[in-house]
Amino acid sequence: MSRHRPRVVFDCMIFLQAAARRASPSGACLALAEQGLLERYVSPAILAEIQDVVSRPQVRTKFRQLTDDVAAEFVARIERVAVRVDEAGTSITLARDPKDEPYLNLAVHVGADFLVSRDRDLLESTYATGKTLPEVRIVDPVEFLAAVRPQLGNSS
C-alpha cells in the first residue's frame, strides 16, 4: 500500500526560522519539502507575509545573514517548491489572532494533514485539539518531524 506525501502548510515563523537557521527543526521541515517528500502549500497572502517579515529591519538586524539577495532567493525557493493556491476562502475565523486565519483556512481548503507552527494562538486553539478539525493536525516543527520521518522512511 502506498502512502501519499504529507500535505503541509507552514506558518510564517517556520519559514523565517528556516531562512535564518537551516540546521534548525524548521529548516529540516523545509528541507523535506525541497526534497519532494511533502506537498507544501502557500497562498498569495502567505507569500506576502513571508516577504514582509524577511524584509523587516528588526529581523535583518537579528539575522544578519538575511541580506536582500538571500531573502529574495529564499522566497523564490518557496515559490518553486510549494503548490500555490490563489483562493482558499475564509471558512474559519480566529478571534484570538486573525492573522493566523490564512494558514488555517489554507490547511482546511487543501485537505492538509499538518499545519506546522510555533504560534501559541494556533497550537492552543480549539482547532489544535483535533475535535473541531480532526483531519488537520496543528503541531510544532519537532512534533511534525517526529510524526512524518517514520512514514517517509518506510516509503522511500
Foldseek 3Di string as FASTA:
>chain_A
DADDQAEEEEALVLLLVCLLDCPDLSVVVVVCLLVVRHAYEDEPLRLVVNLVVLPDPVSCVVRVVSDVVSSVVSSVSCVVRYDYDHDLDQPDAQPVDRSCRVQVSNCVSVLGQEYEYPDCSVCVDPVCVCPVPVRYHYYYSVVVCVVCVVVSVVND
